[in-house]
């Protein structure tokens, strides 16, 4: 009975069970109305944010080769940690739209070619220094320089000039862009003192926490700032424990070693969620599990070989056996219906005959090497094995090389010509395309260089007619679908696990897992 009561109490604390329902279920288990009412009152009190305590997070995706420089953050751990200590100018609102962080307001010229971001007054970095528009300018300069390694380089293209006007950061664009504030939400663009030019890994920002312990790829401990300007950050301490192994991560959640985890394996999500002290949170979105080919590297520089592999994958089987229904079928484009200006393309389906035709036409002889790791996406090696089987039916031999989890994002992804990978998606088509498919983007991980695509991308930014803009994005998706090196078999739901020791889960319709990685800061210790 206690386990069941604890479960009901956790639902009250999370705001998902009302008084009448709780008392009805509690009395059905044998409690008196008085005892049930008292238990409900205590649980409801816990639904109000509580201050103090420690929240522990079991996070997947970290490696010893990671960096505290937000410019090169490339996985869930690096992004989550940067959320603790830093903030961008603007952030996605959990229910859609935007909310100010370092910028308290923003506005554009009538043609959306000049944007002005007013820096929030009275906020400081964790080193005590006041935040200025000059810090914002320096940050953007560091991420847009020609020698930068920033993952935000693609979205910084098209800026004609940047300047400071008092407490306002001003951006002048080469062409109008109505989506510019959305681009400023990119998680690499954390505002740092002097833009991070002095020490990009110092982890000094405007966020609610300060890092106290850092063991890269293992553990991070952060303590709450007393002088944080905002209203998030309820726990005194937040601890991230990197647990890349799925089984170990779920065991840590089930045993109470951690309070929440990301990337619950779809295969075991139902079983994990049956525990009375755990809830599984699922959110559909733009995240996608992919196989990426470098279009400029043999043998993938041959379009027929790329098409052969695209026709040789069984997308429906992937959704069924890898996602277990926690997702939807992909179509070799990073854009799905979660994007506002979405146009459905004709669905590419598994066709061994077409795959065999294009493979023979390519002239390639011998196996094709595919690299994978559990660190690229949950059950990626299993997905690679399914791909291997479906390709074999078309006469294509895939050799699978399982790479070490540690270092996958620095040594394999965006380095090797054919591998499994993962994208969390972006808030707009422009942001997704600019980050990963623009020819000059540093994170163009399929080496997709297409003049027509680039032309359309810049034209769409300047097009204020929504119908015309939608048509442009549809053509860009088709170019990636037909010409690119992306094999996108599935869009994943975000599947997180949360223990009943913490409360305050806020459903987020946008962003990444764990409520766009803000859950540890927005939730609180309730038990």
Protein backbone atom coordinates (compact mmCIF):
# COMPACT_ATOMS: atom_id res chain seq x y z
CA UNK A 1 0.00 0.00 0.00
CA UNK A 2 2.84 2.39 0.83
CA UNK A 3 4.27 2.18 -2.68
CA UNK A 4 0.86 3.00 -4.16
CA UNK A 5 0.34 5.94 -1.79
CA UNK A 6 3.80 7.26 -2.61
CA UNK A 7 2.91 7.09 -6.29
CA UNK A 8 -0.35 9.01 -5.75
CA UNK A 9 1.48 11.59 -3.64
CA UNK A 10 4.07 12.07 -6.39
CA UNK A 11 1.26 12.79 -8.85
CA UNK A 12 -0.19 15.40 -6.50
CA UNK A 13 3.25 17.03 -6.15
CA UNK A 14 3.59 17.11 -9.92
CA UNK A 15 0.14 18.67 -10.29
CA UNK A 16 -1.40 15.66 -12.04
CA UNK A 17 -3.88 14.49 -9.38
CA UNK A 18 -6.62 16.56 -7.74
CA UNK A 19 -7.79 16.38 -4.14
CA UNK A 20 -10.99 14.39 -4.76
CA UNK A 21 -9.24 11.76 -6.86
CA UNK A 22 -6.39 11.40 -4.34
CA UNK A 23 -8.68 11.00 -1.33
CA UNK A 24 -10.90 8.56 -3.23
CA UNK A 25 -7.98 6.33 -4.14
CA UNK A 26 -6.35 6.60 -0.71
CA UNK A 27 -9.55 5.60 1.11
CA UNK A 28 -9.98 2.71 -1.32
CA UNK A 29 -6.62 1.45 -0.07
CA UNK A 30 -7.90 1.51 3.51
CA UNK A 31 -7.01 4.96 4.85
CA UNK A 32 -9.52 7.01 6.80
CA UNK A 33 -10.70 10.24 5.20
CA UNK A 34 -8.81 12.20 7.88
CA UNK A 35 -5.52 10.46 7.17
CA UNK A 36 -6.04 10.73 3.41
CA UNK A 37 -6.78 14.45 3.71
CA UNK A 38 -3.65 15.01 5.79
CA UNK A 39 -1.49 13.12 3.33
CA UNK A 40 -2.97 15.12 0.45
CA UNK A 41 -2.28 18.40 2.26
CA UNK A 42 1.37 17.48 2.80
CA UNK A 43 1.73 16.41 -0.81
CA UNK A 44 0.03 19.55 -2.12
CA UNK A 45 2.35 21.68 0.01
CA UNK A 46 5.25 19.98 -1.74
CA UNK A 47 3.84 21.18 -5.07
CA UNK A 48 5.05 24.66 -4.13
CA UNK A 49 8.72 25.12 -5.04
CA UNK A 50 10.90 24.13 -2.12
CA UNK A 51 14.35 25.58 -1.62
CA UNK A 52 17.41 23.56 -0.69
CA UNK A 53 18.71 20.05 -1.01
CA UNK A 54 20.50 18.30 -3.85
CA UNK A 55 19.15 17.10 -7.20
CA UNK A 56 21.15 14.39 -8.92
CA UNK A 57 20.91 13.75 -12.63
CA UNK A 58 22.08 10.66 -14.49
CA UNK A 59 23.04 12.01 -17.89
CA UNK A 60 23.93 10.18 -21.09
CA UNK A 61 26.27 11.61 -23.69
CA UNK A 62 29.36 12.77 -21.83
CA UNK A 63 33.00 12.00 -22.57
CA UNK A 64 36.42 12.79 -21.14
CA UNK A 65 37.18 14.73 -24.32
CA UNK A 66 34.35 17.21 -23.68
CA UNK A 67 35.07 20.88 -22.99
CA UNK A 68 33.48 23.58 -20.85
CA UNK A 69 33.69 25.90 -23.84
CA UNK A 70 30.04 26.25 -24.95
CA UNK A 71 31.19 26.93 -28.51
CA UNK A 72 32.10 23.26 -28.96
CA UNK A 73 29.35 21.64 -26.87
CA UNK A 74 28.22 18.64 -28.88
CA UNK A 75 26.25 16.36 -26.57
CA UNK A 76 23.64 16.27 -23.83
CA UNK A 77 26.12 16.47 -20.98
CA UNK A 78 28.01 19.48 -22.31
CA UNK A 79 24.78 21.32 -23.07
CA UNK A 80 23.21 20.50 -19.70
CA UNK A 81 26.26 21.67 -17.78
CA UNK A 82 26.42 24.95 -19.71
CA UNK A 83 22.75 25.57 -18.83
CA UNK A 84 23.75 25.57 -15.14
CA UNK A 85 26.22 28.44 -15.32
CA UNK A 86 25.33 30.33 -18.48
CA UNK A 87 22.50 31.79 -20.53
CA UNK A 88 21.99 32.98 -24.11
CA UNK A 89 20.43 36.29 -25.06
CA UNK A 90 17.05 34.69 -25.69
CA UNK A 91 15.57 31.28 -24.89
CA UNK A 92 12.69 29.17 -26.14
CA UNK A 93 9.57 29.41 -23.99
CA UNK A 94 8.46 25.92 -22.90
CA UNK A 95 5.06 26.41 -24.54
CA UNK A 96 6.39 28.00 -27.71
CA UNK A 97 7.66 31.43 -28.61
CA UNK A 98 10.54 33.16 -26.87
CA UNK A 99 11.50 34.50 -23.45
CA UNK A 100 14.30 36.85 -22.54
CA UNK A 101 17.41 35.76 -20.71
CA UNK A 102 20.39 38.12 -20.94
CA UNK A 103 18.25 40.29 -23.24
CA UNK A 104 15.17 41.73 -21.58
CA UNK A 105 13.63 42.86 -24.87
CA UNK A 106 14.29 42.93 -28.61
CA UNK A 107 12.88 44.60 -31.68
CA UNK A 108 13.58 44.84 -35.38
CA UNK A 109 13.37 47.39 -38.12
CA UNK A 110 10.22 47.08 -40.28
CA UNK A 111 12.12 45.01 -42.85
CA UNK A 112 13.65 42.68 -40.20
CA UNK A 113 17.14 43.63 -41.36
CA UNK A 114 18.31 45.42 -38.20
CA UNK A 115 17.72 43.87 -34.77
CA UNK A 116 18.25 45.50 -31.38
CA UNK A 117 18.62 43.44 -28.18
CA UNK A 118 18.45 45.40 -24.93
CA UNK A 119 20.64 43.84 -22.24
CA UNK A 120 18.84 43.13 -18.98
CA UNK A 121 19.81 45.69 -16.37
CA UNK A 122 21.26 44.80 -12.98
CA UNK A 123 22.45 41.28 -13.78
CA UNK A 124 25.97 40.07 -13.13
CA UNK A 125 28.24 37.24 -14.12
CA UNK A 126 29.13 34.72 -11.42
CA UNK A 127 32.47 36.55 -10.95
CA UNK A 128 30.56 39.66 -9.85
CA UNK A 129 31.12 41.64 -13.06
CA UNK A 130 28.13 43.50 -14.49
CA UNK A 131 26.90 42.24 -17.83
CA UNK A 132 27.22 44.76 -20.65
CA UNK A 133 26.31 44.97 -24.29
CA UNK A 134 30.05 44.86 -25.00
CA UNK A 135 30.15 41.34 -23.48
CA UNK A 136 27.35 40.31 -25.82
CA UNK A 137 29.17 41.77 -28.82
CA UNK A 138 32.40 39.99 -27.87
CA UNK A 139 30.52 36.71 -27.48
CA UNK A 140 29.02 36.96 -30.95
CA UNK A 141 32.37 37.94 -32.41
CA UNK A 142 34.00 34.84 -30.94
CA UNK A 143 31.36 32.57 -32.44
CA UNK A 144 31.40 34.17 -35.88
CA UNK A 145 35.11 34.57 -36.61
CA UNK A 146 36.51 32.70 -39.57
CA UNK A 147 38.80 30.63 -37.36
CA UNK A 148 36.10 29.71 -34.83
CA UNK A 149 35.19 26.11 -34.12
CA UNK A 150 31.79 27.11 -32.81
CA UNK A 151 28.80 24.96 -33.61
CA UNK A 152 26.88 28.22 -34.05
CA UNK A 153 29.01 29.40 -36.95
CA UNK A 154 26.39 28.44 -39.54
CA UNK A 155 23.66 30.54 -37.96
CA UNK A 156 26.01 33.52 -37.61
CA UNK A 157 26.48 33.67 -41.37
CA UNK A 158 24.69 36.55 -43.05
CA UNK A 159 25.51 39.15 -40.40
CA UNK A 160 26.80 42.31 -42.05
CA UNK A 161 27.76 44.09 -38.86
CA UNK A 162 27.41 44.11 -35.06
CA UNK A 163 27.71 47.04 -32.70
CA UNK A 164 26.81 48.44 -29.29
CA UNK A 165 24.45 51.33 -28.66
CA UNK A 166 24.51 52.03 -24.93
CA UNK A 167 22.91 49.01 -23.25
CA UNK A 168 21.77 47.57 -26.58
CA UNK A 169 23.42 45.00 -28.83
CA UNK A 170 22.70 45.78 -32.50
CA UNK A 171 22.81 43.31 -35.38
CA UNK A 172 22.73 44.41 -39.01
CA UNK A 173 21.98 41.63 -41.47
CA UNK A 174 22.98 41.28 -45.08
CA UNK A 175 19.38 40.25 -45.73
CA UNK A 176 16.24 40.43 -43.58
CA UNK A 177 15.61 37.54 -41.20
CA UNK A 178 12.43 37.36 -39.18
CA UNK A 179 13.82 34.34 -37.29
CA UNK A 180 16.95 36.00 -35.90
CA UNK A 181 15.82 35.97 -32.24
CA UNK A 182 15.20 32.22 -32.54
CA UNK A 183 18.75 31.78 -33.81
CA UNK A 184 20.02 33.56 -30.72
CA UNK A 185 18.63 30.71 -28.57
CA UNK A 186 21.35 28.38 -29.86
CA UNK A 187 22.92 26.66 -26.86
CA UNK A 188 26.44 27.51 -28.01
CA UNK A 189 25.80 31.24 -27.73
CA UNK A 190 26.23 31.51 -23.95
CA UNK A 191 27.05 35.10 -23.02
CA UNK A 192 30.47 35.24 -21.30
CA UNK A 193 32.66 38.06 -19.93
CA UNK A 194 34.45 39.57 -22.91
CA UNK A 195 32.74 36.86 -24.95
CA UNK A 196 34.93 34.13 -23.47
CA UNK A 197 37.91 35.44 -25.44
CA UNK A 198 40.09 35.46 -22.31
CA UNK A 199 39.17 31.92 -21.20
CA UNK A 200 36.26 30.19 -22.96
CA UNK A 201 36.36 27.28 -20.48
CA UNK A 202 36.10 29.40 -17.33
CA UNK A 203 32.37 28.56 -16.94
CA UNK A 204 31.56 32.12 -15.90
CA UNK A 205 28.12 33.25 -16.98
CA UNK A 206 24.78 34.62 -15.84
CA UNK A 207 23.16 31.27 -14.97
CA UNK A 208 21.82 30.27 -11.54
CA UNK A 209 24.69 27.95 -10.57
CA UNK A 210 28.47 27.94 -10.21
CA UNK A 211 30.50 24.85 -10.97
CA UNK A 212 32.37 23.56 -7.92
CA UNK A 213 33.66 20.19 -9.11
CA UNK A 214 34.44 19.11 -12.67
CA UNK A 215 35.55 15.61 -13.65
CA UNK A 216 35.07 15.66 -17.41
CA UNK A 217 33.04 12.72 -18.64
CA UNK A 218 32.38 11.57 -15.08
CA UNK A 219 30.79 14.09 -12.70
CA UNK A 220 29.90 17.76 -12.28
CA UNK A 221 28.75 19.49 -9.10
CA UNK A 222 27.29 23.01 -9.04
CA UNK A 223 26.08 25.24 -6.20
CA UNK A 224 23.32 27.84 -6.30
CA UNK A 225 24.24 31.50 -6.73
CA UNK A 226 22.75 33.84 -4.13
CA UNK A 227 22.75 36.75 -6.57
CA UNK A 228 21.06 35.10 -9.56
CA UNK A 229 18.60 37.47 -11.21
CA UNK A 230 15.95 34.92 -12.25
CA UNK A 231 13.43 32.61 -10.59
CA UNK A 232 14.85 29.17 -11.44
CA UNK A 233 17.33 27.12 -9.45
CA UNK A 234 15.57 25.78 -6.34
CA UNK A 235 18.06 23.16 -5.17
CA UNK A 236 21.18 24.24 -3.32
CA UNK A 237 23.23 21.76 -5.30
CA UNK A 238 22.84 20.05 -8.66
CA UNK A 239 25.01 17.08 -9.49
CA UNK A 240 25.39 15.53 -12.94
CA UNK A 241 26.69 11.98 -13.06
CA UNK A 242 27.66 10.80 -16.53
CA UNK A 243 26.22 7.30 -17.03
CA UNK A 244 26.46 6.40 -20.70
CA UNK A 245 25.49 2.76 -20.23
CA UNK A 246 21.70 2.48 -20.54
CA UNK A 247 21.34 -0.37 -18.05
CA UNK A 248 23.45 1.37 -15.43
CA UNK A 249 21.59 4.65 -15.90
CA UNK A 250 18.19 3.01 -15.41
CA UNK A 251 19.49 1.13 -12.37
CA UNK A 252 20.67 4.41 -10.86
CA UNK A 253 17.18 5.89 -11.31
CA UNK A 254 15.40 2.84 -9.95
CA UNK A 255 17.63 2.66 -6.89
CA UNK A 256 17.31 6.36 -6.12
CA UNK A 257 20.97 7.08 -6.78
CA UNK A 258 19.78 9.81 -9.17
CA UNK A 259 16.52 11.76 -9.33
CA UNK A 260 16.17 11.96 -13.10
CA UNK A 261 17.71 10.60 -16.26
CA UNK A 262 17.59 11.42 -19.94
CA UNK A 263 17.20 8.96 -22.80
CA UNK A 264 15.30 6.13 -21.20
CA UNK A 265 15.70 3.29 -23.74
CA UNK A 266 12.34 2.82 -25.48
CA UNK A 267 12.81 -0.95 -25.17
CA UNK A 268 12.63 -0.76 -21.38
CA UNK A 269 10.60 2.43 -20.84
CA UNK A 270 7.38 0.55 -20.03
CA UNK A 271 9.11 -1.65 -17.47
CA UNK A 272 10.97 1.24 -15.83
CA UNK A 273 7.76 3.26 -15.62
CA UNK A 274 5.96 0.52 -13.70
CA UNK A 275 8.02 1.27 -10.61
CA UNK A 276 5.85 3.22 -8.11
CA UNK A 277 8.58 5.80 -7.47
CA UNK A 278 9.28 6.65 -11.15
CA UNK A 279 7.41 8.40 -13.92
CA UNK A 280 8.29 8.25 -17.60
CA UNK A 281 7.93 11.57 -19.43
CA UNK A 282 7.58 11.52 -23.21
CA UNK A 283 7.57 14.46 -25.60
CA UNK A 284 7.37 14.39 -29.38
CA UNK A 285 9.59 16.83 -31.22
CA UNK A 286 12.25 17.45 -33.86
CA UNK A 287 14.91 15.07 -32.47
CA UNK A 288 16.09 12.47 -34.97
CA UNK A 289 18.32 9.39 -35.03
CA UNK A 290 20.35 9.28 -38.22
CA UNK A 291 23.02 7.66 -40.37
CA UNK A 292 25.23 10.30 -41.97
CA UNK A 293 27.43 10.04 -45.07
CA UNK A 294 30.06 12.56 -46.19
CA UNK A 295 29.01 13.61 -49.68
CA UNK A 296 32.58 14.62 -50.57
CA UNK A 297 34.30 11.40 -49.47
CA UNK A 298 34.53 8.17 -51.46
CA UNK A 299 32.51 6.07 -51.85
CA UNK A 300 29.76 8.41 -50.58
CA UNK A 301 30.62 11.10 -53.13
CA UNK A 302 28.62 8.94 -55.56
CA UNK A 303 24.93 9.93 -55.54
CA UNK A 304 23.82 6.47 -56.64
CA UNK A 305 25.56 4.87 -53.69
CA UNK A 306 23.87 7.32 -51.34
CA UNK A 307 20.49 6.56 -52.90
CA UNK A 308 21.17 2.84 -52.67
CA UNK A 309 21.69 3.12 -48.93
CA UNK A 310 18.63 5.32 -48.52
CA UNK A 311 16.43 2.74 -50.24
CA UNK A 312 18.10 -0.09 -48.31
CA UNK A 313 16.85 0.95 -44.86
CA UNK A 314 13.53 -0.14 -43.40
CA UNK A 315 12.22 2.90 -41.54
CA UNK A 316 9.06 1.31 -40.18
CA UNK A 317 11.08 -1.55 -38.73
CA UNK A 318 13.40 0.96 -37.06
CA UNK A 319 10.50 2.78 -35.37
CA UNK A 320 9.02 -0.52 -34.22
CA UNK A 321 12.17 -2.28 -33.00
CA UNK A 322 14.39 0.62 -31.92
CA UNK A 323 11.87 3.22 -30.74
CA UNK A 324 9.14 0.76 -29.71
CA UNK A 325 6.58 3.30 -30.86
CA UNK A 326 8.18 6.27 -29.07
CA UNK A 327 8.63 8.21 -32.29
CA UNK A 328 7.72 8.41 -35.97
CA UNK A 329 9.07 7.47 -39.38
CA UNK A 330 11.65 9.81 -40.91
CA UNK A 331 12.11 10.73 -44.56
CA UNK A 332 15.77 11.68 -45.09
CA UNK A 333 15.24 15.30 -44.12
CA UNK A 334 15.78 16.83 -40.66
CA UNK A 335 12.41 18.58 -40.80
CA UNK A 336 9.17 17.05 -39.51
CA UNK A 337 5.72 18.28 -38.56
CA UNK A 338 6.98 19.87 -35.32
CA UNK A 339 8.28 22.77 -37.44
CA UNK A 340 5.84 25.63 -38.13
CA UNK A 341 6.37 25.86 -41.92
CA UNK A 342 6.41 22.14 -42.62
CA UNK A 343 5.54 20.55 -45.96
CA UNK A 344 5.27 16.76 -46.19
CA UNK A 345 7.36 15.13 -48.91
CA UNK A 346 6.50 11.89 -50.65
CA UNK A 347 7.60 9.19 -48.23
CA UNK A 348 10.67 7.19 -49.24
CA UNK A 349 10.13 3.53 -48.43
CA UNK A 350 12.26 0.43 -48.13
CA UNK A 351 12.82 -0.90 -51.65
CA UNK A 352 15.54 -3.58 -52.04
CA UNK A 353 15.15 -3.60 -55.83
CA UNK A 354 15.77 0.16 -56.14
CA UNK A 355 18.61 -0.13 -53.65
CA UNK A 356 20.22 -2.88 -55.71
CA UNK A 357 19.74 -0.88 -58.93
CA UNK A 358 21.48 2.22 -57.57
CA UNK A 359 24.21 0.18 -55.88
CA UNK A 360 25.10 -1.55 -59.13
CA UNK A 361 24.88 1.75 -61.00
CA UNK A 362 27.32 3.33 -58.52
CA UNK A 363 30.00 0.85 -59.54
CA UNK A 364 31.05 0.33 -55.94
CA UNK A 365 32.50 -3.06 -55.19
CA UNK A 366 32.84 -4.52 -51.72
CA UNK A 367 31.46 -3.72 -48.26
CA UNK A 368 30.54 -0.31 -46.86
CA UNK A 369 31.90 0.55 -43.40
CA UNK A 370 29.44 1.99 -40.87
CA UNK A 371 30.67 3.18 -37.46
CA UNK A 372 28.40 3.26 -34.44
CA UNK A 373 28.26 3.54 -30.65
CA UNK A 374 25.64 3.58 -27.90
CA UNK A 375 26.76 7.16 -27.30
CA UNK A 376 25.46 8.29 -30.69
CA UNK A 377 21.85 7.42 -29.85
CA UNK A 378 20.14 4.79 -27.68
CA UNK A 379 20.39 1.29 -29.24
CA UNK A 380 22.38 2.65 -32.18
CA UNK A 381 24.34 -0.61 -32.58
CA UNK A 382 21.01 -2.49 -32.76
CA UNK A 383 19.78 -0.01 -35.38
CA UNK A 384 22.99 -0.54 -37.34
CA UNK A 385 22.42 -4.31 -37.21
CA UNK A 386 18.88 -3.88 -38.57
CA UNK A 387 20.27 -1.68 -41.36
CA UNK A 388 22.85 -4.36 -42.11
CA UNK A 389 20.10 -6.98 -42.47
CA UNK A 390 17.82 -4.88 -44.67
CA UNK A 391 20.74 -3.82 -46.88
CA UNK A 392 21.84 -7.44 -47.32
CA UNK A 393 18.52 -8.16 -49.02
CA UNK A 394 19.58 -5.65 -51.69
CA UNK A 395 23.00 -7.23 -52.12
CA UNK A 396 24.75 -4.50 -50.10
CA UNK A 397 27.22 -5.58 -47.44
CA UNK A 398 27.51 -3.28 -44.44
CA UNK A 399 30.46 -3.81 -42.13
CA UNK A 400 29.66 -2.52 -38.65
CA UNK A 401 32.43 -1.13 -36.45
CA UNK A 402 31.44 -0.47 -32.87
CA UNK A 403 33.44 2.49 -31.60
CA UNK A 404 34.17 3.32 -27.93
CA UNK A 405 31.56 5.52 -26.27
CA UNK A 406 34.20 7.85 -24.88
CA UNK A 407 35.40 10.22 -27.56
CA UNK A 408 32.72 9.30 -30.09
CA UNK A 409 31.65 12.91 -30.60
CA UNK A 410 35.21 14.14 -31.11
CA UNK A 411 36.78 11.21 -32.98
CA UNK A 412 33.94 9.73 -35.05
CA UNK A 413 31.05 12.15 -35.53
CA UNK A 414 31.84 14.88 -38.05
CA UNK A 415 35.16 13.15 -38.68
CA UNK A 416 34.47 9.69 -40.13
CA UNK A 417 32.57 9.42 -43.46
CA UNK A 418 29.72 7.10 -42.39
CA UNK A 419 28.39 6.79 -38.85
CA UNK A 420 25.34 6.84 -36.63
CA UNK A 421 24.46 10.18 -35.09
CA UNK A 422 21.78 12.18 -33.36
CA UNK A 423 20.31 15.65 -33.74
CA UNK A 424 17.98 17.23 -31.20
CA UNK A 425 16.50 19.49 -33.85
CA UNK A 426 16.15 23.25 -33.72
CA UNK A 427 13.22 25.68 -33.23
CA UNK A 428 13.01 26.77 -36.87
CA UNK A 429 13.93 25.42 -40.30
CA UNK A 430 16.41 28.25 -40.75
CA UNK A 431 18.22 27.30 -37.55
CA UNK A 432 18.37 23.58 -38.39
CA UNK A 433 19.45 24.11 -41.99
CA UNK A 434 21.95 26.84 -41.06
CA UNK A 435 23.60 24.72 -38.39
CA UNK A 436 23.96 21.45 -40.31
CA UNK A 437 23.38 21.89 -44.07
CA UNK A 438 24.65 25.31 -45.11
CA UNK A 439 27.84 24.74 -47.10
CA UNK A 440 29.92 26.92 -44.77
CA UNK A 441 28.52 25.52 -41.50
CA UNK A 442 31.17 24.05 -39.23
CA UNK A 443 28.73 21.30 -38.23
CA UNK A 444 27.83 20.34 -41.80
CA UNK A 445 28.28 16.70 -40.81
CA UNK A 446 27.17 15.27 -44.18
CA UNK A 447 29.53 17.56 -46.13
CA UNK A 448 26.52 18.75 -48.10
CA UNK A 449 27.67 21.49 -50.48
CA UNK A 450 24.81 22.66 -52.67
CA UNK A 451 24.68 26.14 -54.22
CA UNK A 452 20.94 26.04 -54.82
CA UNK A 453 20.33 25.07 -51.20
CA UNK A 454 22.49 27.94 -49.92
CA UNK A 455 20.74 30.36 -52.26
CA UNK A 456 17.33 29.28 -51.00
CA UNK A 457 18.40 29.47 -47.37
CA UNK A 458 19.42 33.11 -47.61
CA UNK A 459 16.42 33.98 -49.78
CA UNK A 460 14.03 32.40 -47.26
CA UNK A 461 15.45 34.53 -44.47
CA UNK A 462 14.54 37.64 -46.43
CA UNK A 463 11.11 36.42 -47.54
CA UNK A 464 8.33 37.75 -45.33
CA UNK A 465 5.56 36.12 -47.39
CA UNK A 466 4.86 32.96 -45.40
CA UNK A 467 3.52 30.94 -48.33
CA UNK A 468 6.61 31.66 -50.45
CA UNK A 469 8.87 30.93 -47.51
CA UNK A 470 7.13 27.61 -46.89
CA UNK A 471 7.68 26.64 -50.52
CA UNK A 472 11.38 27.49 -50.23
CA UNK A 473 11.78 25.31 -47.16
CA UNK A 474 9.99 22.47 -48.96
CA UNK A 475 12.45 22.68 -51.85
CA UNK A 476 15.37 22.73 -49.42
CA UNK A 477 14.07 19.60 -47.71
CA UNK A 478 13.74 17.93 -51.10
CA UNK A 479 17.34 18.79 -51.98
CA UNK A 480 18.59 17.20 -48.75
CA UNK A 481 16.26 14.23 -49.32
CA UNK A 482 17.45 13.60 -52.90
CA UNK A 483 21.01 14.94 -53.02
CA UNK A 484 22.29 14.87 -49.47
CA UNK A 485 24.11 12.39 -47.28
CA UNK A 486 21.44 12.18 -44.59
CA UNK A 487 19.63 8.91 -43.92
CA UNK A 488 16.94 9.79 -41.39
CA UNK A 489 14.88 6.71 -40.59
CA UNK A 490 13.13 8.01 -37.49
CA UNK A 491 12.21 10.96 -35.30
CA UNK A 492 12.44 10.06 -31.64
CA UNK A 493 10.26 11.14 -28.79
CA UNK A 494 12.19 12.48 -25.83
CA UNK A 495 11.85 9.81 -23.13
CA UNK A 496 12.99 10.89 -19.66
CA UNK A 497 12.66 9.26 -16.27
CA UNK A 498 11.90 11.19 -13.07
CA UNK A 499 11.84 9.91 -9.48
CA UNK A 500 9.20 10.98 -6.96
CA UNK A 501 11.76 12.62 -4.64
CA UNK A 502 11.60 15.69 -6.91
CA UNK A 503 8.63 17.70 -8.15
CA UNK A 504 7.83 20.52 -10.54
CA UNK A 505 8.13 18.85 -13.93
CA UNK A 506 7.07 21.31 -16.62
CA UNK A 507 6.01 19.93 -19.97
CA UNK A 508 8.05 21.61 -22.71
CA UNK A 509 6.85 21.57 -26.31
CA UNK A 510 10.17 22.77 -27.70
CA UNK A 511 13.86 22.18 -27.31
CA UNK A 512 15.67 19.08 -26.10
CA UNK A 513 15.15 16.33 -23.56
CA UNK A 514 14.69 17.01 -19.82
CA UNK A 515 12.54 20.04 -20.61
CA UNK A 516 15.14 21.55 -22.90
CA UNK A 517 17.74 20.60 -20.24
CA UNK A 518 16.18 23.01 -17.72
CA UNK A 519 14.40 20.35 -15.59
CA UNK A 520 17.15 20.13 -12.92
CA UNK A 521 16.91 23.90 -12.39
CA UNK A 522 13.12 24.18 -12.55
CA UNK A 523 12.34 21.21 -10.31
CA UNK A 524 12.86 20.95 -6.58
CA UNK A 525 13.41 18.41 -3.82
CA UNK A 526 9.97 17.50 -2.48
CA UNK A 527 10.68 14.48 -0.29
